[in-house]
Amino acid sequence: MKVGDLVVRKSYGGDITFRIEGLYDHISLLKGTDYRLVADAPTSDLVNVPETTMKRRKQQAQIKMIESVEALEQHRQRQSERRQTEFQFANAPNQAAHFEMPGKVLHLDGDPNYLQKSMTLYNQLRVPAEGHYVSEAKMSEAVYTLLPRSRPDIIVITGHDGVLKGLKHRDLYSLQSYKNSQNFVNAVKTARQYERNLDMLTVIAGACQSHFEALLQNGANFASSPGRIMIHALDPAYVAAKAAYTSIRDTIHIADIAPHTITGTEGLGGIETRGSHRLGMPKWKDLSTLNVTPSVT
C-alpha cells in the first residue's frame, strides 16, 4: 500500500472507495473519493480496488449525476417557458423578452477536491458561484468575512464530518459525538447573524453523518444527515443549484430534490424554502449594436 492508492475496507464490506492520504505505522489515513468521509483504518484491513470495479462505480455515480443534471435543466426550461407565457398574457411586447437572474451561490468546502467538483457542476448548470476552500474549524470566521463581501442568495457550508469512533457513551443528540458538526453549527449561526430571514439567504450545511437536527435548529434551510449516513460529494451542490433555479414565487420541496441526489432523504433534508431565481425585462441588449448619441460632455 502507498499514498494515492484506491482502496476499500474489508471490515465494512468494501462499501466505500477511499484514496490513501497518509500512512502512519500500521494505520492509513483515508479520504472518500465520492463520499464526504475522512477515516482511518489498519492498513491490513485495506484491499486495493480493481480497476474494473472502480470504473463501474464511477460510471454508476456518473449516470446518476447526469440524470440529476438533466432533471435540473428540464426544470429550468419548464420554468422559463411558464414565465414567458405569463409575460405574453400580460400583453408584454414581443421585443421586451425577459432575462434570467439565477441565485448566486457562495460555496465553502473543507475539501479542495470536492470543491473543484462542485464548482464544475455549477459551471455546467450556469449557476453563478464563488467557491472557497476553508478548513471546517475556520468556517464560522470565513462566513463572517465572506458573506458581506459576496452577498450571495445561497450559501453552502460543507466538508468532512462523521460520528466519532471509540466513545464510551455515544449520544447522537450531542454535538460532541461528531467530528465537525459543532463547527458547521457555528458557521450556520454566523450566517444567521448576517441574515435572519430564511428566504433571503438559503443555508445548506453539513457533510457525512452530520447532526441534521442541530443544523436546522440553528438556522440551516437544508442539512445532512437525517439518517447519519455518508453523503455524496455533490449532493449539497445539487441542492444549491436547485435553489438557484427555483422561482422566488415557488417553494423548494425536499421531496422534489431527494430523488435526484445520490443519498436521498436519508442523506439530506430540510424545510420548505422560497427559491432565488428571478426574471426581468426587457432582455439585455447587445450594447455593441446600439447607436447612442452622447449627452454628457
C-alpha atoms as a PDB file:
ATOM      1  CA  MET A   1       0.000   0.000   0.000  1.00  0.00           C
ATOM      2  CA  LYS A   2       1.157   3.535  -0.752  1.00  0.00           C
ATOM      3  CA  VAL A   3      -0.205   7.070  -0.665  1.00  0.00           C
ATOM      4  CA  GLY A   4      -2.603   7.629  -3.563  1.00  0.00           C
ATOM      5  CA  ASP A   5      -3.811   4.031  -3.812  1.00  0.00           C
ATOM      6  CA  LEU A   6      -7.549   3.441  -4.200  1.00  0.00           C
ATOM      7  CA  VAL A   7      -8.776   1.029  -1.544  1.00  0.00           C
ATOM      8  CA  VAL A   8     -11.807  -0.336   0.314  1.00  0.00           C
ATOM      9  CA  ARG A   9     -12.092  -1.633   3.883  1.00  0.00           C
ATOM     10  CA  LYS A  10     -12.647  -5.378   4.275  1.00  0.00           C
ATOM     11  CA  SER A  11     -14.349  -4.933   7.653  1.00  0.00           C
ATOM     12  CA  TYR A  12     -17.015  -2.710   6.073  1.00  0.00           C
ATOM     13  CA  GLY A  13     -17.655  -4.980   3.136  1.00  0.00           C
ATOM     14  CA  GLY A  14     -15.904  -2.665   0.684  1.00  0.00           C
ATOM     15  CA  ASP A  15     -18.856  -0.249   0.672  1.00  0.00           C
ATOM     16  CA  ILE A  16     -16.928   2.988   0.045  1.00  0.00           C
ATOM     17  CA  THR A  17     -13.898   3.656  -2.135  1.00  0.00           C
ATOM     18  CA  PHE A  18     -11.114   5.664  -0.497  1.00  0.00           C
ATOM     19  CA  ARG A  19      -7.825   7.174  -1.540  1.00  0.00           C
ATOM     20  CA  ILE A  20      -4.927   6.730   0.891  1.00  0.00           C
ATOM     21  CA  GLU A  21      -3.907  10.212   2.066  1.00  0.00           C
ATOM     22  CA  GLY A  22      -1.244   9.178   4.562  1.00  0.00           C
ATOM     23  CA  LEU A  23       0.490   6.173   6.115  1.00  0.00           C
ATOM     24  CA  TYR A  24       1.429   6.136   9.807  1.00  0.00           C
ATOM     25  CA  ASP A  25       2.960   2.919  11.154  1.00  0.00           C
ATOM     26  CA  HIS A  26       0.196   0.369  10.568  1.00  0.00           C
ATOM     27  CA  ILE A  27      -2.608   2.934  10.184  1.00  0.00           C
ATOM     28  CA  SER A  28      -3.747   4.553   6.943  1.00  0.00           C
ATOM     29  CA  LEU A  29      -5.494   7.932   6.696  1.00  0.00           C
ATOM     30  CA  LEU A  30      -8.296   7.649   4.137  1.00  0.00           C
ATOM     31  CA  LYS A  31     -10.433  10.103   2.186  1.00  0.00           C
ATOM     32  CA  GLY A  32     -13.563   9.084   0.277  1.00  0.00           C
ATOM     33  CA  THR A  33     -13.339   9.534  -3.484  1.00  0.00           C
ATOM     34  CA  ASP A  34     -17.070  10.216  -3.897  1.00  0.00           C
ATOM     35  CA  TYR A  35     -18.387  10.489  -0.332  1.00  0.00           C
ATOM     36  CA  ARG A  36     -17.553  13.221   2.168  1.00  0.00           C
ATOM     37  CA  LEU A  37     -15.789  10.966   4.616  1.00  0.00           C
ATOM     38  CA  VAL A  38     -12.336  11.015   6.213  1.00  0.00           C
ATOM     39  CA  ALA A  39     -11.405   7.879   8.142  1.00  0.00           C
ATOM     40  CA  ASP A  40      -8.504   5.870   9.410  1.00  0.00           C
ATOM     41  CA  ALA A  41      -8.078   2.124   9.294  1.00  0.00           C
ATOM     42  CA  PRO A  42      -5.462  -0.534   9.888  1.00  0.00           C
ATOM     43  CA  THR A  43      -3.538  -0.937   6.681  1.00  0.00           C
ATOM     44  CA  SER A  44      -4.091  -4.685   6.997  1.00  0.00           C
ATOM     45  CA  ASP A  45      -7.859  -4.054   6.646  1.00  0.00           C
ATOM     46  CA  LEU A  46      -7.433  -2.449   3.222  1.00  0.00           C
ATOM     47  CA  VAL A  47      -7.747  -4.004  -0.204  1.00  0.00           C
ATOM     48  CA  ASN A  48      -6.801  -2.338  -3.454  1.00  0.00           C
ATOM     49  CA  VAL A  49      -9.771  -1.616  -5.701  1.00  0.00           C
ATOM     50  CA  PRO A  50      -9.567  -3.437  -9.030  1.00  0.00           C
ATOM     51  CA  GLU A  51      -9.592  -1.017 -11.941  1.00  0.00           C
ATOM     52  CA  THR A  52     -12.717  -2.637 -13.379  1.00  0.00           C
ATOM     53  CA  THR A  53     -14.579  -2.166 -10.088  1.00  0.00           C
ATOM     54  CA  MET A  54     -13.512   1.463  -9.851  1.00  0.00           C
ATOM     55  CA  LYS A  55     -14.668   2.139 -13.396  1.00  0.00           C
ATOM     56  CA  ARG A  56     -18.036   0.536 -12.703  1.00  0.00           C
ATOM     57  CA  ARG A  57     -18.589   2.589  -9.547  1.00  0.00           C
ATOM     58  CA  LYS A  58     -17.615   5.791 -11.315  1.00  0.00           C
ATOM     59  CA  GLN A  59     -19.967   5.008 -14.187  1.00  0.00           C
ATOM     60  CA  GLN A  60     -22.857   4.368 -11.800  1.00  0.00           C
ATOM     61  CA  ALA A  61     -22.282   7.649  -9.974  1.00  0.00           C
ATOM     62  CA  GLN A  62     -21.826   9.486 -13.278  1.00  0.00           C
ATOM     63  CA  ILE A  63     -25.088   8.116 -14.673  1.00  0.00           C
ATOM     64  CA  LYS A  64     -26.961   9.283 -11.570  1.00  0.00           C
ATOM     65  CA  MET A  65     -25.373  12.719 -11.734  1.00  0.00           C
ATOM     66  CA  ILE A  66     -26.151  13.085 -15.443  1.00  0.00           C
ATOM     67  CA  GLU A  67     -29.779  12.220 -14.703  1.00  0.00           C
ATOM     68  CA  SER A  68     -29.810  14.810 -11.925  1.00  0.00           C
ATOM     69  CA  VAL A  69     -28.313  17.493 -14.152  1.00  0.00           C
ATOM     70  CA  GLU A  70     -30.824  16.717 -16.890  1.00  0.00           C
ATOM     71  CA  ALA A  71     -33.666  16.984 -14.371  1.00  0.00           C
ATOM     72  CA  LEU A  72     -32.418  20.426 -13.330  1.00  0.00           C
ATOM     73  CA  GLU A  73     -32.116  21.527 -16.936  1.00  0.00           C
ATOM     74  CA  GLN A  74     -35.691  20.384 -17.633  1.00  0.00           C
ATOM     75  CA  HIS A  75     -36.945  22.178 -14.525  1.00  0.00           C
ATOM     76  CA  ARG A  76     -35.247  25.384 -15.607  1.00  0.00           C
ATOM     77  CA  GLN A  77     -36.660  25.102 -19.141  1.00  0.00           C
ATOM     78  CA  ARG A  78     -40.213  24.495 -17.890  1.00  0.00           C
ATOM     79  CA  GLN A  79     -39.961  27.427 -15.518  1.00  0.00           C
ATOM     80  CA  SER A  80     -38.646  29.713 -18.247  1.00  0.00           C
ATOM     81  CA  GLU A  81     -41.453  28.713 -20.624  1.00  0.00           C
ATOM     82  CA  ARG A  82     -44.071  29.214 -17.930  1.00  0.00           C
ATOM     83  CA  ARG A  83     -42.834  32.683 -17.056  1.00  0.00           C
ATOM     84  CA  GLN A  84     -42.591  33.644 -20.737  1.00  0.00           C
ATOM     85  CA  THR A  85     -46.233  32.641 -21.128  1.00  0.00           C
ATOM     86  CA  GLU A  86     -47.131  34.846 -18.158  1.00  0.00           C
ATOM     87  CA  PHE A  87     -45.445  37.808 -19.839  1.00  0.00           C
ATOM     88  CA  GLN A  88     -47.425  37.157 -23.006  1.00  0.00           C
ATOM     89  CA  PHE A  89     -50.699  37.008 -21.099  1.00  0.00           C
ATOM     90  CA  ALA A  90     -49.748  40.348 -19.572  1.00  0.00           C
ATOM     91  CA  ASN A  91     -49.603  41.775 -23.134  1.00  0.00           C
ATOM     92  CA  ALA A  92     -45.880  42.365 -22.873  1.00  0.00           C
ATOM     93  CA  PRO A  93     -44.495  43.388 -26.295  1.00  0.00           C
ATOM     94  CA  ASN A  94     -42.516  40.732 -28.140  1.00  0.00           C
ATOM     95  CA  GLN A  95     -39.422  42.892 -28.196  1.00  0.00           C
ATOM     96  CA  ALA A  96     -39.462  43.027 -24.418  1.00  0.00           C
ATOM     97  CA  ALA A  97     -38.257  39.458 -23.958  1.00  0.00           C
ATOM     98  CA  HIS A  98     -37.190  38.538 -20.449  1.00  0.00           C
ATOM     99  CA  PHE A  99     -33.792  37.821 -18.933  1.00  0.00           C
ATOM    100  CA  GLU A 100     -32.950  35.407 -16.116  1.00  0.00           C
ATOM    101  CA  MET A 101     -31.166  36.007 -12.819  1.00  0.00           C
ATOM    102  CA  PRO A 102     -30.468  32.711 -11.023  1.00  0.00           C
ATOM    103  CA  GLY A 103     -29.490  32.879  -7.369  1.00  0.00           C
ATOM    104  CA  LYS A 104     -25.807  33.321  -6.551  1.00  0.00           C
ATOM    105  CA  VAL A 105     -24.044  30.604  -4.547  1.00  0.00           C
ATOM    106  CA  LEU A 106     -21.220  31.008  -2.042  1.00  0.00           C
ATOM    107  CA  HIS A 107     -19.709  27.542  -1.520  1.00  0.00           C
ATOM    108  CA  LEU A 108     -17.350  26.896   1.394  1.00  0.00           C
ATOM    109  CA  ASP A 109     -15.776  23.452   1.385  1.00  0.00           C
ATOM    110  CA  GLY A 110     -13.373  21.681   3.717  1.00  0.00           C
ATOM    111  CA  ASP A 111     -12.077  19.544   0.853  1.00  0.00           C
ATOM    112  CA  PRO A 112     -10.345  21.125  -2.177  1.00  0.00           C
ATOM    113  CA  ASN A 113     -11.112  18.187  -4.480  1.00  0.00           C
ATOM    114  CA  TYR A 114     -14.826  18.202  -3.670  1.00  0.00           C
ATOM    115  CA  LEU A 115     -14.853  21.986  -4.022  1.00  0.00           C
ATOM    116  CA  GLN A 116     -13.486  21.662  -7.552  1.00  0.00           C
ATOM    117  CA  LYS A 117     -16.098  19.028  -8.434  1.00  0.00           C
ATOM    118  CA  SER A 118     -18.854  21.270  -7.081  1.00  0.00           C
ATOM    119  CA  MET A 119     -17.615  24.317  -9.000  1.00  0.00           C
ATOM    120  CA  THR A 120     -17.542  22.230 -12.182  1.00  0.00           C
ATOM    121  CA  LEU A 121     -21.197  21.300 -11.587  1.00  0.00           C
ATOM    122  CA  TYR A 122     -22.188  24.941 -11.019  1.00  0.00           C
ATOM    123  CA  ASN A 123     -20.398  25.938 -14.204  1.00  0.00           C
ATOM    124  CA  GLN A 124     -22.114  23.163 -16.141  1.00  0.00           C
ATOM    125  CA  LEU A 125     -25.516  24.364 -14.933  1.00  0.00           C
ATOM    126  CA  ARG A 126     -24.637  28.049 -15.424  1.00  0.00           C
ATOM    127  CA  VAL A 127     -25.157  28.826 -11.750  1.00  0.00           C
ATOM    128  CA  PRO A 128     -23.209  31.927 -10.648  1.00  0.00           C
ATOM    129  CA  ALA A 129     -20.990  30.614  -7.869  1.00  0.00           C
ATOM    130  CA  GLU A 130     -17.989  31.585  -5.784  1.00  0.00           C
ATOM    131  CA  GLY A 131     -16.024  28.835  -4.057  1.00  0.00           C
ATOM    132  CA  HIS A 132     -13.503  28.819  -1.219  1.00  0.00           C
ATOM    133  CA  TYR A 133     -11.506  26.007   0.384  1.00  0.00           C
ATOM    134  CA  VAL A 134     -11.795  26.524   4.150  1.00  0.00           C
ATOM    135  CA  SER A 135     -10.973  24.089   6.945  1.00  0.00           C
ATOM    136  CA  GLU A 136     -14.011  23.145   8.996  1.00  0.00           C
ATOM    137  CA  ALA A 137     -12.592  24.767  12.147  1.00  0.00           C
ATOM    138  CA  LYS A 138     -12.397  28.137  10.357  1.00  0.00           C
ATOM    139  CA  MET A 139     -15.813  28.001   8.663  1.00  0.00           C
ATOM    140  CA  SER A 140     -17.512  30.449  11.044  1.00  0.00           C
ATOM    141  CA  GLU A 141     -14.744  33.020  10.628  1.00  0.00           C
ATOM    142  CA  ALA A 142     -14.860  32.627   6.843  1.00  0.00           C
ATOM    143  CA  VAL A 143     -18.645  33.051   6.775  1.00  0.00           C
ATOM    144  CA  TYR A 144     -18.318  36.257   8.818  1.00  0.00           C
ATOM    145  CA  THR A 145     -15.771  37.660   6.349  1.00  0.00           C
ATOM    146  CA  LEU A 146     -17.146  36.409   3.039  1.00  0.00           C
ATOM    147  CA  LEU A 147     -20.912  36.907   3.361  1.00  0.00           C
ATOM    148  CA  PRO A 148     -20.844  40.738   3.349  1.00  0.00           C
ATOM    149  CA  ARG A 149     -18.309  40.686   0.531  1.00  0.00           C
ATOM    150  CA  SER A 150     -20.002  38.097  -1.693  1.00  0.00           C
ATOM    151  CA  ARG A 151     -23.666  38.887  -0.864  1.00  0.00           C
ATOM    152  CA  PRO A 152     -24.973  35.521  -2.133  1.00  0.00           C
ATOM    153  CA  ASP A 153     -28.535  34.230  -2.220  1.00  0.00           C
ATOM    154  CA  ILE A 154     -27.399  30.747  -1.172  1.00  0.00           C
ATOM    155  CA  ILE A 155     -24.509  29.589   0.994  1.00  0.00           C
ATOM    156  CA  VAL A 156     -23.168  26.033   1.149  1.00  0.00           C
ATOM    157  CA  ILE A 157     -21.165  25.087   4.263  1.00  0.00           C
ATOM    158  CA  THR A 158     -19.708  21.605   3.869  1.00  0.00           C
ATOM    159  CA  GLY A 159     -16.602  19.468   4.073  1.00  0.00           C
ATOM    160  CA  HIS A 160     -15.946  16.391   6.215  1.00  0.00           C
ATOM    161  CA  ASP A 161     -17.791  15.108   9.256  1.00  0.00           C
ATOM    162  CA  GLY A 162     -18.699  11.840  10.928  1.00  0.00           C
ATOM    163  CA  VAL A 163     -19.770  10.160  14.141  1.00  0.00           C
ATOM    164  CA  LEU A 164     -16.690   9.620  16.297  1.00  0.00           C
ATOM    165  CA  LYS A 165     -15.463   6.104  16.982  1.00  0.00           C
ATOM    166  CA  GLY A 166     -14.333   4.863  20.358  1.00  0.00           C
ATOM    167  CA  LEU A 167     -16.677   6.959  22.509  1.00  0.00           C
ATOM    168  CA  LYS A 168     -17.528   5.242  25.784  1.00  0.00           C
ATOM    169  CA  HIS A 169     -21.032   6.704  25.817  1.00  0.00           C
ATOM    170  CA  ARG A 170     -22.058   7.705  22.316  1.00  0.00           C
ATOM    171  CA  ASP A 171     -25.003  10.115  22.291  1.00  0.00           C
ATOM    172  CA  LEU A 172     -26.170  11.046  18.800  1.00  0.00           C
ATOM    173  CA  TYR A 173     -28.072  14.001  20.277  1.00  0.00           C
ATOM    174  CA  SER A 174     -24.780  15.509  21.474  1.00  0.00           C
ATOM    175  CA  LEU A 175     -22.608  17.574  19.146  1.00  0.00           C
ATOM    176  CA  GLN A 176     -19.610  16.178  20.985  1.00  0.00           C
ATOM    177  CA  SER A 177     -20.213  12.837  19.260  1.00  0.00           C
ATOM    178  CA  TYR A 178     -19.394  14.321  15.829  1.00  0.00           C
ATOM    179  CA  LYS A 179     -16.107  15.304  14.229  1.00  0.00           C
ATOM    180  CA  ASN A 180     -17.161  18.670  12.742  1.00  0.00           C
ATOM    181  CA  SER A 181     -20.889  19.216  13.356  1.00  0.00           C
ATOM    182  CA  GLN A 182     -20.131  21.839  16.031  1.00  0.00           C
ATOM    183  CA  ASN A 183     -18.005  23.755  13.503  1.00  0.00           C
ATOM    184  CA  PHE A 184     -20.826  23.637  10.955  1.00  0.00           C
ATOM    185  CA  VAL A 185     -23.360  24.773  13.576  1.00  0.00           C
ATOM    186  CA  ASN A 186     -21.133  27.720  14.483  1.00  0.00           C
ATOM    187  CA  ALA A 187     -20.910  28.704  10.818  1.00  0.00           C
ATOM    188  CA  VAL A 188     -24.695  28.479  10.399  1.00  0.00           C
ATOM    189  CA  LYS A 189     -25.174  30.704  13.461  1.00  0.00           C
ATOM    190  CA  THR A 190     -22.816  33.267  11.952  1.00  0.00           C
ATOM    191  CA  ALA A 191     -24.735  33.186   8.670  1.00  0.00           C
ATOM    192  CA  ARG A 192     -27.995  33.808  10.521  1.00  0.00           C
ATOM    193  CA  GLN A 193     -26.493  36.742  12.393  1.00  0.00           C
ATOM    194  CA  TYR A 194     -25.865  38.252   8.955  1.00  0.00           C
ATOM    195  CA  GLU A 195     -29.337  37.426   7.559  1.00  0.00           C
ATOM    196  CA  ARG A 196     -32.147  36.126   9.771  1.00  0.00           C
ATOM    197  CA  ASN A 197     -34.762  35.754   7.011  1.00  0.00           C
ATOM    198  CA  LEU A 198     -34.809  32.114   5.877  1.00  0.00           C
ATOM    199  CA  ASP A 199     -35.981  33.113   2.393  1.00  0.00           C
ATOM    200  CA  MET A 200     -33.428  35.884   1.861  1.00  0.00           C
ATOM    201  CA  LEU A 201     -30.434  33.609   2.452  1.00  0.00           C
ATOM    202  CA  THR A 202     -30.716  29.873   1.866  1.00  0.00           C
ATOM    203  CA  VAL A 203     -28.251  27.985   4.077  1.00  0.00           C
ATOM    204  CA  ILE A 204     -27.184  24.435   3.124  1.00  0.00           C
ATOM    205  CA  ALA A 205     -24.930  22.839   5.713  1.00  0.00           C
ATOM    206  CA  GLY A 206     -23.305  19.593   6.779  1.00  0.00           C
ATOM    207  CA  ALA A 207     -21.415  16.597   5.454  1.00  0.00           C
ATOM    208  CA  CYS A 208     -21.285  12.850   6.151  1.00  0.00           C
ATOM    209  CA  GLN A 209     -23.231  11.835   9.273  1.00  0.00           C
ATOM    210  CA  SER A 210     -23.642  15.456  10.412  1.00  0.00           C
ATOM    211  CA  HIS A 211     -26.051  16.436  13.205  1.00  0.00           C
ATOM    212  CA  PHE A 212     -29.048  17.192  10.992  1.00  0.00           C
ATOM    213  CA  GLU A 213     -31.342  18.413  13.768  1.00  0.00           C
ATOM    214  CA  ALA A 214     -28.803  20.804  15.302  1.00  0.00           C
ATOM    215  CA  LEU A 215     -28.044  22.367  11.922  1.00  0.00           C
ATOM    216  CA  LEU A 216     -31.734  23.020  11.209  1.00  0.00           C
ATOM    217  CA  GLN A 217     -32.438  24.276  14.729  1.00  0.00           C
ATOM    218  CA  ASN A 218     -29.657  26.830  14.369  1.00  0.00           C
ATOM    219  CA  GLY A 219     -30.833  28.219  11.058  1.00  0.00           C
ATOM    220  CA  ALA A 220     -29.992  25.939   8.135  1.00  0.00           C
ATOM    221  CA  ASN A 221     -32.658  25.525   5.440  1.00  0.00           C
ATOM    222  CA  PHE A 222     -31.234  22.203   4.266  1.00  0.00           C
ATOM    223  CA  ALA A 223     -28.799  19.926   6.057  1.00  0.00           C
ATOM    224  CA  SER A 224     -27.278  16.479   6.319  1.00  0.00           C
ATOM    225  CA  SER A 225     -27.611  13.796   7.501  1.00  0.00           C
ATOM    226  CA  PRO A 226     -31.052  12.682   8.795  1.00  0.00           C
ATOM    227  CA  GLY A 227     -30.087   9.006   8.697  1.00  0.00           C
ATOM    228  CA  ARG A 228     -26.478   9.647   9.802  1.00  0.00           C
ATOM    229  CA  ILE A 229     -25.260   8.159   6.536  1.00  0.00           C
ATOM    230  CA  MET A 230     -22.459   9.133   4.158  1.00  0.00           C
ATOM    231  CA  ILE A 231     -23.488  11.753   1.616  1.00  0.00           C
ATOM    232  CA  HIS A 232     -22.183  12.080  -1.906  1.00  0.00           C
ATOM    233  CA  ALA A 233     -19.691  14.858  -2.564  1.00  0.00           C
ATOM    234  CA  LEU A 234     -22.035  16.673  -4.958  1.00  0.00           C
ATOM    235  CA  ASP A 235     -25.322  16.384  -3.055  1.00  0.00           C
ATOM    236  CA  PRO A 236     -25.016  19.817  -1.320  1.00  0.00           C
ATOM    237  CA  ALA A 237     -24.134  21.451  -4.657  1.00  0.00           C
ATOM    238  CA  TYR A 238     -27.165  19.877  -6.320  1.00  0.00           C
ATOM    239  CA  VAL A 239     -29.472  21.312  -3.652  1.00  0.00           C
ATOM    240  CA  ALA A 240     -27.837  24.730  -4.131  1.00  0.00           C
ATOM    241  CA  ALA A 241     -28.346  24.564  -7.894  1.00  0.00           C
ATOM    242  CA  LYS A 242     -31.992  23.622  -7.396  1.00  0.00           C
ATOM    243  CA  ALA A 243     -32.462  26.631  -5.110  1.00  0.00           C
ATOM    244  CA  ALA A 244     -30.696  28.910  -7.609  1.00  0.00           C
ATOM    245  CA  TYR A 245     -33.116  27.962 -10.389  1.00  0.00           C
ATOM    246  CA  THR A 246     -36.366  27.761  -8.422  1.00  0.00           C
ATOM    247  CA  SER A 247     -38.505  30.881  -8.817  1.00  0.00           C
ATOM    248  CA  ILE A 248     -38.877  33.253  -5.885  1.00  0.00           C
ATOM    249  CA  ARG A 249     -42.612  32.604  -6.337  1.00  0.00           C
ATOM    250  CA  ASP A 250     -42.177  28.892  -5.692  1.00  0.00           C
ATOM    251  CA  THR A 251     -41.158  26.736  -2.765  1.00  0.00           C
ATOM    252  CA  ILE A 252     -38.289  24.268  -2.888  1.00  0.00           C
ATOM    253  CA  HIS A 253     -39.609  20.960  -1.588  1.00  0.00           C
ATOM    254  CA  ILE A 254     -37.138  18.364  -0.356  1.00  0.00           C
ATOM    255  CA  ALA A 255     -39.421  15.721  -1.864  1.00  0.00           C
ATOM    256  CA  ASP A 256     -38.596  17.186  -5.293  1.00  0.00           C
ATOM    257  CA  ILE A 257     -34.865  17.209  -4.579  1.00  0.00           C
ATOM    258  CA  ALA A 258     -34.357  13.828  -2.915  1.00  0.00           C
ATOM    259  CA  PRO A 259     -34.927  11.621  -5.995  1.00  0.00           C
ATOM    260  CA  HIS A 260     -32.136  13.463  -7.813  1.00  0.00           C
ATOM    261  CA  THR A 261     -29.492  13.279  -5.073  1.00  0.00           C
ATOM    262  CA  ILE A 262     -27.302  10.239  -4.622  1.00  0.00           C
ATOM    263  CA  THR A 263     -28.283   9.639  -0.981  1.00  0.00           C
ATOM    264  CA  GLY A 264     -31.949  10.749  -0.921  1.00  0.00           C
ATOM    265  CA  THR A 265     -33.808  11.821   2.227  1.00  0.00           C
ATOM    266  CA  GLU A 266     -31.543   9.718   4.451  1.00  0.00           C
ATOM    267  CA  GLY A 267     -28.663  11.921   3.366  1.00  0.00           C
ATOM    268  CA  LEU A 268     -30.282  15.367   3.070  1.00  0.00           C
ATOM    269  CA  GLY A 269     -33.390  17.011   4.469  1.00  0.00           C
ATOM    270  CA  GLY A 270     -34.733  20.458   5.151  1.00  0.00           C
ATOM    271  CA  ILE A 271     -37.623  22.883   5.409  1.00  0.00           C
ATOM    272  CA  GLU A 272     -39.713  24.447   2.653  1.00  0.00           C
ATOM    273  CA  THR A 273     -37.912  27.494   1.340  1.00  0.00           C
ATOM    274  CA  ARG A 274     -38.522  30.009  -1.429  1.00  0.00           C
ATOM    275  CA  GLY A 275     -36.282  29.821  -4.484  1.00  0.00           C
ATOM    276  CA  SER A 276     -33.850  32.529  -5.618  1.00  0.00           C
ATOM    277  CA  HIS A 277     -34.455  32.671  -9.388  1.00  0.00           C
ATOM    278  CA  ARG A 278     -35.804  35.930 -10.824  1.00  0.00           C
ATOM    279  CA  LEU A 279     -36.905  37.055 -14.270  1.00  0.00           C
ATOM    280  CA  GLY A 280     -36.642  40.604 -15.566  1.00  0.00           C
ATOM    281  CA  MET A 281     -37.457  42.545 -18.695  1.00  0.00           C
ATOM    282  CA  PRO A 282     -36.623  43.797 -21.209  1.00  0.00           C
ATOM    283  CA  LYS A 283     -33.878  41.412 -22.270  1.00  0.00           C
ATOM    284  CA  TRP A 284     -30.390  42.880 -22.023  1.00  0.00           C
ATOM    285  CA  LYS A 285     -29.295  44.440 -25.296  1.00  0.00           C
ATOM    286  CA  ASP A 286     -26.086  43.938 -27.210  1.00  0.00           C
ATOM    287  CA  LEU A 287     -24.539  47.323 -26.424  1.00  0.00           C
ATOM    288  CA  SER A 288     -22.094  46.994 -29.328  1.00  0.00           C
ATOM    289  CA  THR A 289     -25.037  47.326 -31.743  1.00  0.00           C
ATOM    290  CA  LEU A 290     -26.665  50.414 -30.190  1.00  0.00           C
ATOM    291  CA  ASN A 291     -26.398  53.766 -31.944  1.00  0.00           C
ATOM    292  CA  VAL A 292     -26.219  56.065 -28.947  1.00  0.00           C
ATOM    293  CA  THR A 293     -25.839  59.848 -29.121  1.00  0.00           C
ATOM    294  CA  PRO A 294     -23.590  61.039 -26.256  1.00  0.00           C
ATOM    295  CA  SER A 295     -25.367  63.511 -23.970  1.00  0.00           C
ATOM    296  CA  VAL A 296     -22.702  64.455 -21.423  1.00  0.00           C
ATOM    297  CA  THR A 297     -19.540  66.449 -22.042  1.00  0.00           C
END
